[in-house]
N, C-alpha and C. Protein backbone atom coordinates (compact mmCIF):
# COMPACT_ATOMS: atom_id res chain seq x y z
N MET A 1 0.83 -1.19 0.00
CA MET A 1 0.00 0.00 0.00
C MET A 1 0.87 1.25 0.00
N VAL A 2 0.51 2.21 -0.81
CA VAL A 2 1.25 3.47 -0.87
C VAL A 2 1.14 4.20 0.46
N GLN A 3 2.29 4.60 1.00
CA GLN A 3 2.32 5.38 2.24
C GLN A 3 2.01 6.84 1.92
N VAL A 4 1.30 7.51 2.82
CA VAL A 4 0.93 8.90 2.60
C VAL A 4 1.30 9.76 3.81
N LYS A 5 1.98 10.86 3.52
CA LYS A 5 2.31 11.84 4.56
C LYS A 5 1.71 13.18 4.15
N ILE A 6 0.98 13.77 5.06
CA ILE A 6 0.46 15.13 4.86
C ILE A 6 1.25 16.04 5.79
N CYS A 7 1.90 17.03 5.23
CA CYS A 7 2.79 17.88 6.01
C CYS A 7 2.17 19.27 6.22
N GLY A 8 2.63 19.92 7.27
CA GLY A 8 2.15 21.26 7.56
C GLY A 8 0.83 21.30 8.28
N ILE A 9 0.55 20.28 9.10
CA ILE A 9 -0.69 20.25 9.86
C ILE A 9 -0.63 21.33 10.94
N ASN A 10 -1.64 22.19 10.97
CA ASN A 10 -1.62 23.29 11.93
C ASN A 10 -3.00 23.66 12.47
N SER A 11 -3.94 22.73 12.35
CA SER A 11 -5.28 22.98 12.89
C SER A 11 -5.94 21.66 13.28
N PRO A 12 -6.87 21.70 14.24
CA PRO A 12 -7.59 20.48 14.60
C PRO A 12 -8.34 19.87 13.43
N ALA A 13 -8.94 20.72 12.57
CA ALA A 13 -9.69 20.19 11.43
C ALA A 13 -8.79 19.43 10.48
N ALA A 14 -7.60 19.98 10.21
CA ALA A 14 -6.66 19.29 9.33
C ALA A 14 -6.18 18.00 9.96
N ALA A 15 -5.90 18.03 11.26
CA ALA A 15 -5.45 16.82 11.95
C ALA A 15 -6.51 15.73 11.88
N ASP A 16 -7.76 16.09 12.12
CA ASP A 16 -8.83 15.11 12.07
C ASP A 16 -9.02 14.54 10.66
N ALA A 17 -8.89 15.40 9.65
CA ALA A 17 -9.03 14.93 8.27
C ALA A 17 -7.93 13.95 7.91
N VAL A 18 -6.72 14.27 8.31
CA VAL A 18 -5.58 13.39 8.03
C VAL A 18 -5.78 12.02 8.69
N ALA A 19 -6.19 12.04 9.95
CA ALA A 19 -6.35 10.78 10.68
C ALA A 19 -7.53 9.97 10.16
N SER A 20 -8.67 10.64 9.94
CA SER A 20 -9.86 9.90 9.51
C SER A 20 -9.72 9.34 8.10
N ALA A 21 -8.93 10.01 7.26
CA ALA A 21 -8.74 9.52 5.89
C ALA A 21 -7.67 8.44 5.81
N GLY A 22 -6.97 8.21 6.89
CA GLY A 22 -6.03 7.10 6.93
C GLY A 22 -4.60 7.40 6.51
N ALA A 23 -4.16 8.65 6.67
CA ALA A 23 -2.77 8.96 6.36
C ALA A 23 -1.85 8.21 7.32
N ASP A 24 -0.65 7.93 6.85
CA ASP A 24 0.33 7.23 7.68
C ASP A 24 1.13 8.19 8.55
N TYR A 25 1.37 9.40 8.04
CA TYR A 25 2.18 10.38 8.74
C TYR A 25 1.51 11.75 8.69
N ALA A 26 1.67 12.50 9.79
CA ALA A 26 1.22 13.89 9.84
C ALA A 26 2.42 14.73 10.27
N GLY A 27 2.77 15.72 9.45
CA GLY A 27 3.96 16.51 9.72
C GLY A 27 3.65 17.86 10.34
N PHE A 28 4.39 18.21 11.40
CA PHE A 28 4.32 19.53 12.01
C PHE A 28 5.59 20.28 11.65
N VAL A 29 5.45 21.48 11.14
CA VAL A 29 6.59 22.28 10.71
C VAL A 29 7.02 23.24 11.81
N PHE A 30 8.25 23.06 12.27
CA PHE A 30 8.84 23.96 13.26
C PHE A 30 9.88 24.84 12.55
N PHE A 31 9.38 25.86 11.85
CA PHE A 31 10.25 26.72 11.05
C PHE A 31 9.52 28.05 10.83
N PRO A 32 9.84 29.07 11.61
CA PRO A 32 9.07 30.32 11.59
C PRO A 32 8.86 30.95 10.21
N PRO A 33 9.80 30.88 9.25
CA PRO A 33 9.51 31.49 7.94
C PRO A 33 8.37 30.82 7.16
N SER A 34 7.99 29.63 7.58
CA SER A 34 6.94 28.91 6.86
C SER A 34 5.56 29.34 7.32
N PRO A 35 4.60 29.48 6.39
CA PRO A 35 3.22 29.78 6.79
C PRO A 35 2.56 28.61 7.51
N ARG A 36 3.24 27.48 7.56
CA ARG A 36 2.72 26.28 8.22
C ARG A 36 3.36 26.07 9.59
N HIS A 37 4.18 27.01 10.01
CA HIS A 37 4.87 26.90 11.30
C HIS A 37 3.88 26.76 12.45
N VAL A 38 4.19 25.85 13.39
CA VAL A 38 3.37 25.70 14.59
C VAL A 38 4.22 26.00 15.82
N GLY A 39 3.58 26.61 16.81
CA GLY A 39 4.24 26.83 18.09
C GLY A 39 4.27 25.54 18.89
N TYR A 40 5.07 25.53 19.94
CA TYR A 40 5.23 24.31 20.72
C TYR A 40 3.93 23.90 21.42
N GLY A 41 3.19 24.87 21.95
CA GLY A 41 1.93 24.55 22.61
C GLY A 41 0.91 23.97 21.64
N GLN A 42 0.84 24.57 20.46
CA GLN A 42 -0.08 24.09 19.43
C GLN A 42 0.31 22.69 18.98
N ALA A 43 1.61 22.46 18.81
CA ALA A 43 2.08 21.14 18.39
C ALA A 43 1.75 20.08 19.44
N SER A 44 1.90 20.44 20.70
CA SER A 44 1.59 19.49 21.76
C SER A 44 0.12 19.09 21.73
N SER A 45 -0.76 20.08 21.55
CA SER A 45 -2.19 19.80 21.51
C SER A 45 -2.56 18.95 20.30
N LEU A 46 -2.02 19.29 19.14
CA LEU A 46 -2.33 18.53 17.93
C LEU A 46 -1.75 17.12 17.98
N SER A 47 -0.56 17.00 18.57
CA SER A 47 0.06 15.68 18.70
C SER A 47 -0.79 14.77 19.57
N THR A 48 -1.30 15.32 20.67
CA THR A 48 -2.18 14.54 21.54
C THR A 48 -3.43 14.11 20.79
N ARG A 49 -3.93 15.00 19.95
CA ARG A 49 -5.13 14.70 19.16
C ARG A 49 -4.89 13.56 18.18
N LEU A 50 -3.67 13.45 17.67
CA LEU A 50 -3.34 12.44 16.66
C LEU A 50 -2.78 11.15 17.24
N ARG A 51 -2.46 11.16 18.51
CA ARG A 51 -1.79 10.01 19.11
C ARG A 51 -2.58 8.74 18.88
N GLY A 52 -1.92 7.73 18.33
CA GLY A 52 -2.55 6.45 18.07
C GLY A 52 -3.34 6.40 16.77
N ARG A 53 -3.42 7.53 16.07
CA ARG A 53 -4.19 7.57 14.83
C ARG A 53 -3.28 7.61 13.61
N CYS A 54 -2.14 8.29 13.71
CA CYS A 54 -1.12 8.24 12.67
C CYS A 54 0.20 8.71 13.29
N ARG A 55 1.29 8.50 12.57
CA ARG A 55 2.61 8.83 13.11
C ARG A 55 2.91 10.32 12.93
N VAL A 56 3.34 10.92 14.00
CA VAL A 56 3.66 12.35 13.99
C VAL A 56 5.12 12.55 13.55
N VAL A 57 5.32 13.53 12.68
CA VAL A 57 6.65 13.88 12.19
C VAL A 57 6.93 15.34 12.56
N ALA A 58 8.04 15.58 13.22
CA ALA A 58 8.47 16.95 13.52
C ALA A 58 9.45 17.38 12.44
N VAL A 59 9.09 18.43 11.70
CA VAL A 59 9.90 18.90 10.58
C VAL A 59 10.72 20.11 11.04
N VAL A 60 12.04 20.00 10.89
CA VAL A 60 12.94 21.10 11.25
C VAL A 60 13.88 21.39 10.09
N VAL A 61 14.44 22.61 10.09
CA VAL A 61 15.30 23.05 9.01
C VAL A 61 16.60 23.61 9.60
N ASP A 62 17.69 22.86 9.45
CA ASP A 62 18.99 23.30 9.95
C ASP A 62 18.88 23.78 11.40
N ALA A 63 18.17 23.03 12.21
CA ALA A 63 17.89 23.43 13.58
C ALA A 63 19.04 23.11 14.52
N THR A 64 19.15 23.89 15.58
CA THR A 64 20.13 23.62 16.63
C THR A 64 19.60 22.51 17.53
N ASP A 65 20.47 21.94 18.33
CA ASP A 65 20.03 20.90 19.25
C ASP A 65 18.96 21.39 20.22
N PRO A 66 19.08 22.58 20.80
CA PRO A 66 18.00 23.06 21.68
C PRO A 66 16.67 23.22 20.95
N GLU A 67 16.71 23.66 19.69
CA GLU A 67 15.47 23.79 18.91
C GLU A 67 14.85 22.43 18.65
N ILE A 68 15.68 21.46 18.32
CA ILE A 68 15.18 20.10 18.08
C ILE A 68 14.61 19.52 19.37
N GLU A 69 15.30 19.74 20.47
CA GLU A 69 14.82 19.24 21.76
C GLU A 69 13.45 19.80 22.10
N ALA A 70 13.26 21.09 21.84
CA ALA A 70 11.97 21.72 22.12
C ALA A 70 10.87 21.12 21.24
N ALA A 71 11.18 20.87 19.97
CA ALA A 71 10.20 20.27 19.05
C ALA A 71 9.86 18.85 19.49
N VAL A 72 10.86 18.10 19.88
CA VAL A 72 10.64 16.71 20.32
C VAL A 72 9.80 16.68 21.59
N ASN A 73 10.10 17.56 22.52
CA ASN A 73 9.33 17.60 23.77
C ASN A 73 7.88 17.99 23.52
N ALA A 74 7.66 18.88 22.55
CA ALA A 74 6.30 19.34 22.27
C ALA A 74 5.49 18.30 21.50
N ALA A 75 6.08 17.78 20.44
CA ALA A 75 5.32 16.91 19.53
C ALA A 75 5.41 15.43 19.87
N ARG A 76 6.44 15.04 20.61
CA ARG A 76 6.68 13.62 20.89
C ARG A 76 6.57 12.79 19.60
N PRO A 77 7.38 13.16 18.60
CA PRO A 77 7.21 12.58 17.26
C PRO A 77 7.72 11.16 17.13
N GLY A 78 7.16 10.48 16.16
CA GLY A 78 7.68 9.17 15.79
C GLY A 78 8.87 9.30 14.85
N PHE A 79 8.98 10.47 14.17
CA PHE A 79 10.08 10.74 13.25
C PHE A 79 10.47 12.21 13.35
N LEU A 80 11.74 12.47 13.11
CA LEU A 80 12.25 13.82 12.89
C LEU A 80 12.54 13.96 11.40
N GLN A 81 12.00 14.98 10.76
CA GLN A 81 12.31 15.24 9.36
C GLN A 81 13.29 16.40 9.27
N LEU A 82 14.44 16.14 8.68
CA LEU A 82 15.47 17.16 8.51
C LEU A 82 15.36 17.68 7.09
N HIS A 83 14.92 18.93 6.96
CA HIS A 83 14.58 19.46 5.64
C HIS A 83 15.50 20.60 5.21
N GLY A 84 16.67 20.67 5.80
CA GLY A 84 17.61 21.71 5.44
C GLY A 84 18.82 21.16 4.73
N LYS A 85 19.96 21.75 5.03
CA LYS A 85 21.23 21.34 4.41
C LYS A 85 22.06 20.49 5.36
N GLU A 86 21.39 19.75 6.20
CA GLU A 86 22.09 18.90 7.16
C GLU A 86 22.98 17.88 6.43
N SER A 87 24.19 17.72 6.92
CA SER A 87 25.14 16.76 6.35
C SER A 87 24.83 15.36 6.87
N PRO A 88 25.37 14.33 6.22
CA PRO A 88 25.18 12.98 6.75
C PRO A 88 25.68 12.86 8.19
N GLU A 89 26.77 13.55 8.51
CA GLU A 89 27.31 13.50 9.86
C GLU A 89 26.34 14.12 10.86
N ARG A 90 25.69 15.21 10.44
CA ARG A 90 24.71 15.85 11.31
C ARG A 90 23.49 14.95 11.51
N VAL A 91 23.09 14.23 10.47
CA VAL A 91 21.98 13.29 10.59
C VAL A 91 22.30 12.23 11.64
N VAL A 92 23.51 11.70 11.58
CA VAL A 92 23.93 10.68 12.56
C VAL A 92 23.89 11.24 13.97
N ALA A 93 24.42 12.45 14.13
CA ALA A 93 24.47 13.06 15.46
C ALA A 93 23.07 13.30 16.03
N ILE A 94 22.16 13.77 15.20
CA ILE A 94 20.80 14.02 15.65
C ILE A 94 20.10 12.72 16.01
N ARG A 95 20.26 11.74 15.18
CA ARG A 95 19.61 10.45 15.42
C ARG A 95 20.10 9.83 16.72
N GLN A 96 21.39 9.94 16.97
CA GLN A 96 21.96 9.36 18.18
C GLN A 96 21.55 10.14 19.42
N ARG A 97 21.58 11.45 19.34
CA ARG A 97 21.26 12.27 20.52
C ARG A 97 19.81 12.16 20.94
N PHE A 98 18.89 12.18 19.95
CA PHE A 98 17.47 12.24 20.30
C PHE A 98 16.76 10.90 20.22
N ALA A 99 17.44 9.89 19.71
CA ALA A 99 16.88 8.53 19.66
C ALA A 99 15.51 8.51 18.99
N VAL A 100 15.39 9.29 17.91
CA VAL A 100 14.16 9.34 17.11
C VAL A 100 14.54 9.03 15.67
N PRO A 101 13.82 8.13 14.99
CA PRO A 101 14.12 7.86 13.58
C PRO A 101 14.08 9.13 12.75
N VAL A 102 14.92 9.17 11.71
CA VAL A 102 15.09 10.38 10.92
C VAL A 102 14.64 10.18 9.47
N ILE A 103 13.88 11.16 9.00
CA ILE A 103 13.57 11.30 7.57
C ILE A 103 14.47 12.42 7.04
N LYS A 104 15.24 12.14 6.01
CA LYS A 104 16.08 13.20 5.43
C LYS A 104 15.52 13.60 4.07
N ALA A 105 15.22 14.88 3.94
CA ALA A 105 14.75 15.41 2.67
C ALA A 105 15.93 15.72 1.77
N ILE A 106 15.81 15.34 0.51
CA ILE A 106 16.83 15.61 -0.49
C ILE A 106 16.19 16.42 -1.61
N SER A 107 16.72 17.61 -1.84
CA SER A 107 16.15 18.50 -2.85
C SER A 107 16.63 18.13 -4.24
N ILE A 108 15.70 18.00 -5.17
CA ILE A 108 16.02 17.53 -6.52
C ILE A 108 15.59 18.56 -7.57
N ALA A 109 16.51 18.89 -8.46
CA ALA A 109 16.18 19.69 -9.64
C ALA A 109 16.55 18.92 -10.91
N ASP A 110 17.64 18.17 -10.86
CA ASP A 110 18.07 17.39 -12.01
C ASP A 110 18.78 16.13 -11.53
N LYS A 111 19.24 15.34 -12.49
CA LYS A 111 19.82 14.04 -12.18
C LYS A 111 21.03 14.14 -11.25
N GLU A 112 21.81 15.23 -11.39
CA GLU A 112 23.02 15.39 -10.59
C GLU A 112 22.69 15.44 -9.09
N ASP A 113 21.52 15.94 -8.74
CA ASP A 113 21.17 16.06 -7.33
C ASP A 113 20.99 14.70 -6.66
N LEU A 114 20.76 13.67 -7.46
CA LEU A 114 20.58 12.34 -6.89
C LEU A 114 21.88 11.74 -6.37
N GLN A 115 23.00 12.36 -6.71
CA GLN A 115 24.28 11.82 -6.25
C GLN A 115 24.42 11.93 -4.73
N HIS A 116 23.61 12.78 -4.11
CA HIS A 116 23.67 12.92 -2.66
C HIS A 116 22.91 11.82 -1.93
N ALA A 117 22.07 11.10 -2.63
CA ALA A 117 21.20 10.12 -1.99
C ALA A 117 21.95 9.01 -1.26
N PRO A 118 22.98 8.38 -1.86
CA PRO A 118 23.61 7.25 -1.17
C PRO A 118 24.16 7.59 0.22
N ALA A 119 24.73 8.77 0.37
CA ALA A 119 25.29 9.14 1.68
C ALA A 119 24.20 9.22 2.74
N PHE A 120 23.04 9.75 2.37
CA PHE A 120 21.94 9.86 3.32
C PHE A 120 21.21 8.53 3.48
N GLU A 121 21.22 7.75 2.43
CA GLU A 121 20.61 6.42 2.49
C GLU A 121 21.29 5.58 3.57
N ALA A 122 22.58 5.82 3.79
CA ALA A 122 23.34 5.05 4.77
C ALA A 122 23.06 5.45 6.21
N VAL A 123 22.49 6.64 6.43
CA VAL A 123 22.36 7.12 7.80
C VAL A 123 20.93 7.47 8.22
N ALA A 124 20.02 7.69 7.28
CA ALA A 124 18.64 8.04 7.61
C ALA A 124 17.77 6.80 7.60
N ASP A 125 16.62 6.89 8.24
CA ASP A 125 15.68 5.77 8.27
C ASP A 125 14.74 5.80 7.08
N LEU A 126 14.52 6.98 6.55
CA LEU A 126 13.58 7.16 5.44
C LEU A 126 14.03 8.39 4.66
N LEU A 127 13.87 8.37 3.35
CA LEU A 127 14.25 9.51 2.51
C LEU A 127 13.01 10.17 1.92
N LEU A 128 13.10 11.47 1.73
CA LEU A 128 12.06 12.23 1.04
C LEU A 128 12.69 12.99 -0.11
N PHE A 129 12.27 12.70 -1.32
CA PHE A 129 12.76 13.42 -2.50
C PHE A 129 11.78 14.54 -2.80
N ASP A 130 12.26 15.77 -2.63
CA ASP A 130 11.42 16.95 -2.79
C ASP A 130 11.99 17.83 -3.89
N ALA A 131 11.15 18.70 -4.43
CA ALA A 131 11.62 19.62 -5.46
C ALA A 131 12.50 20.69 -4.83
N LYS A 132 13.57 21.04 -5.52
CA LYS A 132 14.46 22.09 -5.04
C LYS A 132 13.72 23.42 -5.05
N ALA A 133 13.89 24.18 -3.98
CA ALA A 133 13.19 25.45 -3.84
C ALA A 133 13.71 26.47 -4.84
N PRO A 134 12.88 27.42 -5.24
CA PRO A 134 13.35 28.50 -6.11
C PRO A 134 14.47 29.30 -5.44
N ASN A 135 15.28 29.96 -6.23
CA ASN A 135 16.36 30.77 -5.67
C ASN A 135 15.80 31.93 -4.85
N ASN A 136 16.60 32.34 -3.88
CA ASN A 136 16.28 33.51 -3.05
C ASN A 136 14.99 33.35 -2.26
N THR A 137 14.71 32.14 -1.80
CA THR A 137 13.57 31.92 -0.92
C THR A 137 14.06 31.38 0.41
N PRO A 138 13.47 31.82 1.52
CA PRO A 138 13.93 31.35 2.83
C PRO A 138 13.42 29.97 3.20
N ARG A 139 12.49 29.44 2.40
CA ARG A 139 11.89 28.14 2.73
C ARG A 139 12.36 27.07 1.75
N PRO A 140 12.82 25.91 2.26
CA PRO A 140 13.30 24.86 1.37
C PRO A 140 12.19 24.01 0.76
N GLY A 141 10.98 24.13 1.26
CA GLY A 141 9.90 23.30 0.74
C GLY A 141 8.56 24.01 0.85
N GLY A 142 7.51 23.30 0.41
CA GLY A 142 6.16 23.84 0.50
C GLY A 142 5.83 24.91 -0.52
N HIS A 143 6.50 24.85 -1.68
CA HIS A 143 6.27 25.87 -2.71
C HIS A 143 5.32 25.40 -3.81
N GLY A 144 4.94 24.14 -3.80
CA GLY A 144 4.08 23.63 -4.85
C GLY A 144 4.81 23.33 -6.14
N ALA A 145 6.14 23.36 -6.10
CA ALA A 145 6.94 23.08 -7.30
C ALA A 145 7.20 21.58 -7.41
N ALA A 146 7.36 21.12 -8.63
CA ALA A 146 7.63 19.70 -8.88
C ALA A 146 8.94 19.55 -9.63
N PHE A 147 9.51 18.36 -9.59
CA PHE A 147 10.65 18.02 -10.44
C PHE A 147 10.23 16.87 -11.34
N ASP A 148 11.14 16.47 -12.21
CA ASP A 148 10.82 15.38 -13.14
C ASP A 148 10.83 14.06 -12.37
N TRP A 149 9.65 13.56 -12.04
CA TRP A 149 9.54 12.34 -11.25
C TRP A 149 10.24 11.15 -11.90
N ARG A 150 10.37 11.18 -13.21
CA ARG A 150 10.99 10.04 -13.92
C ARG A 150 12.46 9.86 -13.56
N LEU A 151 13.07 10.87 -12.94
CA LEU A 151 14.47 10.74 -12.50
C LEU A 151 14.63 9.61 -11.50
N LEU A 152 13.57 9.29 -10.80
CA LEU A 152 13.63 8.24 -9.78
C LEU A 152 13.18 6.88 -10.32
N ASN A 153 12.74 6.84 -11.55
CA ASN A 153 12.23 5.60 -12.12
C ASN A 153 13.34 4.55 -12.20
N GLY A 154 13.09 3.39 -11.64
CA GLY A 154 14.06 2.29 -11.69
C GLY A 154 15.15 2.37 -10.65
N ARG A 155 15.17 3.41 -9.85
CA ARG A 155 16.21 3.55 -8.84
C ARG A 155 15.89 2.66 -7.65
N ARG A 156 16.85 1.84 -7.27
CA ARG A 156 16.64 0.93 -6.16
C ARG A 156 17.32 1.49 -4.91
N LEU A 157 16.56 1.58 -3.84
CA LEU A 157 17.07 2.12 -2.59
C LEU A 157 16.90 1.11 -1.47
N SER A 158 17.81 1.12 -0.54
CA SER A 158 17.74 0.19 0.58
C SER A 158 16.86 0.71 1.70
N ARG A 159 16.45 1.99 1.60
CA ARG A 159 15.57 2.60 2.61
C ARG A 159 14.21 2.91 1.99
N PRO A 160 13.18 2.94 2.81
CA PRO A 160 11.89 3.43 2.31
C PRO A 160 12.02 4.89 1.89
N TRP A 161 11.18 5.32 0.96
CA TRP A 161 11.25 6.72 0.53
C TRP A 161 9.90 7.25 0.12
N LEU A 162 9.80 8.57 0.19
CA LEU A 162 8.59 9.29 -0.19
C LEU A 162 8.91 10.24 -1.33
N LEU A 163 7.92 10.45 -2.18
CA LEU A 163 8.02 11.43 -3.26
C LEU A 163 7.25 12.67 -2.87
N GLY A 164 7.88 13.83 -2.97
CA GLY A 164 7.21 15.08 -2.65
C GLY A 164 7.46 16.12 -3.73
N GLY A 165 6.88 17.30 -3.52
CA GLY A 165 7.12 18.40 -4.44
C GLY A 165 6.02 18.56 -5.47
N GLY A 166 5.11 19.47 -5.23
CA GLY A 166 4.09 19.79 -6.23
C GLY A 166 3.00 18.77 -6.40
N LEU A 167 2.84 17.85 -5.47
CA LEU A 167 1.80 16.84 -5.60
C LEU A 167 0.45 17.40 -5.14
N ASN A 168 -0.61 16.92 -5.78
CA ASN A 168 -1.96 17.33 -5.42
C ASN A 168 -2.93 16.20 -5.81
N PRO A 169 -4.20 16.32 -5.49
CA PRO A 169 -5.12 15.22 -5.81
C PRO A 169 -5.20 14.89 -7.29
N GLU A 170 -4.93 15.87 -8.15
CA GLU A 170 -5.06 15.65 -9.59
C GLU A 170 -3.85 14.93 -10.20
N ASN A 171 -2.66 15.11 -9.64
CA ASN A 171 -1.47 14.53 -10.29
C ASN A 171 -0.80 13.42 -9.51
N VAL A 172 -1.29 13.10 -8.32
CA VAL A 172 -0.56 12.14 -7.48
C VAL A 172 -0.51 10.74 -8.10
N VAL A 173 -1.57 10.33 -8.78
CA VAL A 173 -1.55 9.01 -9.42
C VAL A 173 -0.49 8.97 -10.51
N ARG A 174 -0.45 10.00 -11.32
CA ARG A 174 0.56 10.08 -12.40
C ARG A 174 1.98 10.11 -11.81
N ALA A 175 2.15 10.81 -10.71
CA ALA A 175 3.46 10.90 -10.08
C ALA A 175 3.92 9.54 -9.56
N ILE A 176 3.03 8.84 -8.90
CA ILE A 176 3.37 7.52 -8.36
C ILE A 176 3.77 6.57 -9.48
N ARG A 177 3.03 6.60 -10.57
CA ARG A 177 3.31 5.69 -11.68
C ARG A 177 4.58 6.06 -12.43
N ALA A 178 4.93 7.34 -12.40
CA ALA A 178 6.13 7.78 -13.13
C ALA A 178 7.41 7.20 -12.55
N CYS A 179 7.39 6.89 -11.25
CA CYS A 179 8.62 6.39 -10.62
C CYS A 179 8.38 5.24 -9.66
N ASP A 180 7.16 4.69 -9.69
CA ASP A 180 6.80 3.58 -8.81
C ASP A 180 7.07 3.96 -7.35
N ALA A 181 6.65 5.15 -6.97
CA ALA A 181 6.91 5.64 -5.62
C ALA A 181 6.18 4.80 -4.57
N PRO A 182 6.87 4.38 -3.52
CA PRO A 182 6.22 3.61 -2.47
C PRO A 182 5.47 4.48 -1.47
N GLY A 183 5.70 5.81 -1.56
CA GLY A 183 5.03 6.72 -0.65
C GLY A 183 5.07 8.13 -1.21
N VAL A 184 4.14 8.98 -0.72
CA VAL A 184 4.06 10.36 -1.20
C VAL A 184 3.90 11.31 -0.03
N ASP A 185 4.33 12.55 -0.27
CA ASP A 185 4.25 13.61 0.73
C ASP A 185 3.58 14.82 0.09
N CYS A 186 2.64 15.43 0.80
CA CYS A 186 1.93 16.59 0.24
C CYS A 186 1.74 17.65 1.30
N SER A 187 1.90 18.91 0.90
CA SER A 187 1.65 20.03 1.80
C SER A 187 0.78 21.08 1.11
N SER A 188 1.39 21.89 0.22
CA SER A 188 0.63 22.97 -0.41
C SER A 188 -0.47 22.45 -1.34
N GLY A 189 -0.33 21.22 -1.84
CA GLY A 189 -1.31 20.67 -2.77
C GLY A 189 -2.66 20.37 -2.16
N VAL A 190 -2.77 20.46 -0.83
CA VAL A 190 -4.07 20.26 -0.17
C VAL A 190 -4.46 21.51 0.61
N GLU A 191 -4.07 22.67 0.06
CA GLU A 191 -4.37 23.95 0.69
C GLU A 191 -5.15 24.86 -0.25
N THR A 192 -5.95 25.74 0.33
CA THR A 192 -6.65 26.76 -0.45
C THR A 192 -5.91 28.08 -0.41
N ALA A 193 -4.95 28.20 0.50
CA ALA A 193 -4.05 29.35 0.61
C ALA A 193 -2.85 28.87 1.40
N PRO A 194 -1.70 29.55 1.30
CA PRO A 194 -0.52 29.08 2.02
C PRO A 194 -0.79 28.88 3.51
N GLY A 195 -0.63 27.64 3.95
CA GLY A 195 -0.82 27.31 5.36
C GLY A 195 -2.24 26.98 5.75
N LEU A 196 -3.18 27.08 4.81
CA LEU A 196 -4.59 26.81 5.12
C LEU A 196 -5.00 25.47 4.50
N LYS A 197 -4.97 24.42 5.30
CA LYS A 197 -5.31 23.08 4.83
C LYS A 197 -6.82 22.95 4.62
N ASP A 198 -7.18 22.24 3.56
CA ASP A 198 -8.58 21.98 3.23
C ASP A 198 -8.87 20.51 3.51
N PRO A 199 -9.71 20.20 4.49
CA PRO A 199 -9.99 18.80 4.82
C PRO A 199 -10.47 17.97 3.63
N ASN A 200 -11.27 18.58 2.74
CA ASN A 200 -11.75 17.85 1.58
C ASN A 200 -10.61 17.49 0.63
N LEU A 201 -9.68 18.43 0.41
CA LEU A 201 -8.54 18.15 -0.45
C LEU A 201 -7.63 17.09 0.18
N ILE A 202 -7.50 17.12 1.49
CA ILE A 202 -6.72 16.09 2.18
C ILE A 202 -7.31 14.71 1.91
N ARG A 203 -8.62 14.61 2.08
CA ARG A 203 -9.27 13.32 1.84
C ARG A 203 -9.15 12.88 0.39
N GLU A 204 -9.29 13.84 -0.54
CA GLU A 204 -9.18 13.50 -1.96
C GLU A 204 -7.77 13.03 -2.30
N PHE A 205 -6.77 13.68 -1.75
CA PHE A 205 -5.39 13.30 -2.03
C PHE A 205 -5.10 11.89 -1.53
N ILE A 206 -5.49 11.60 -0.31
CA ILE A 206 -5.21 10.28 0.26
C ILE A 206 -5.96 9.20 -0.51
N ALA A 207 -7.20 9.46 -0.86
CA ALA A 207 -7.97 8.48 -1.62
C ALA A 207 -7.35 8.22 -2.98
N ALA A 208 -6.89 9.28 -3.64
CA ALA A 208 -6.28 9.12 -4.97
C ALA A 208 -4.98 8.33 -4.87
N ALA A 209 -4.16 8.64 -3.88
CA ALA A 209 -2.88 7.93 -3.72
C ALA A 209 -3.11 6.45 -3.45
N ARG A 210 -4.07 6.16 -2.61
CA ARG A 210 -4.33 4.77 -2.26
C ARG A 210 -4.99 4.01 -3.40
N ALA A 211 -5.70 4.72 -4.27
CA ALA A 211 -6.39 4.06 -5.37
C ALA A 211 -5.44 3.53 -6.43
N THR A 212 -4.18 3.96 -6.41
CA THR A 212 -3.24 3.51 -7.43
C THR A 212 -3.03 2.01 -7.42
N GLN A 213 -3.19 1.39 -6.25
CA GLN A 213 -2.97 -0.05 -6.19
C GLN A 213 -4.11 -0.84 -6.82
N PHE A 214 -5.23 -0.17 -7.06
CA PHE A 214 -6.38 -0.84 -7.67
C PHE A 214 -6.61 -0.41 -9.12
N ALA A 215 -5.97 0.71 -9.50
CA ALA A 215 -6.23 1.27 -10.83
C ALA A 215 -5.60 0.43 -11.93
N GLY A 216 -6.05 0.66 -13.14
CA GLY A 216 -5.51 -0.04 -14.29
C GLY A 216 -4.25 0.61 -14.78
N ALA A 217 -3.84 0.27 -15.98
CA ALA A 217 -2.56 0.74 -16.52
C ALA A 217 -2.60 2.21 -16.93
N GLU A 218 -3.79 2.74 -17.22
CA GLU A 218 -3.88 4.12 -17.67
C GLU A 218 -4.30 5.02 -16.51
N SER A 219 -3.70 6.21 -16.42
CA SER A 219 -4.06 7.17 -15.37
C SER A 219 -5.19 8.06 -15.86
């Protein structure tokens, strides 16, 4: 079954939609420049709401150890997602210090960017291939941009991985089939405005992603 992660959860309605529709992961963004940023109190409340319904992911960007500690204490996540320019060595250090499995995001624009994957494959528990952010933006993700999904077609990885970047209910089936993705990640594609999640779009996205295992050869 295709794994589904909905990122940028910042309201009870979005949390309930994610859980009731059967998402595997719900991501909380701890990064003030993002319109999806959540405070520690809000994250604690939403995490309690989701406990036992899906796995919570705390998303951080080039965060310090004290910042990560605060996010972990608030969200009590099942995973830490490192979405910045963290090195493989930094991934190892974070994983060891906080004893939380790590998702490492790898930004992709062209084939050359995939050369970074093996180093992170060796140290992370799960990989996320996301579209590289536009130049001169403070946020590494959540822009609704996509990359050529076919770059991942036929690539064999020893770790589970998710496909992200520009996915929405209309294109997720095509994206999964383009590279046989075992999982998908969506944030802006289920929003009506930056940071404003739409419960109906969340449900549509999850249903579409899961339907790929039953669909025929044509999208």
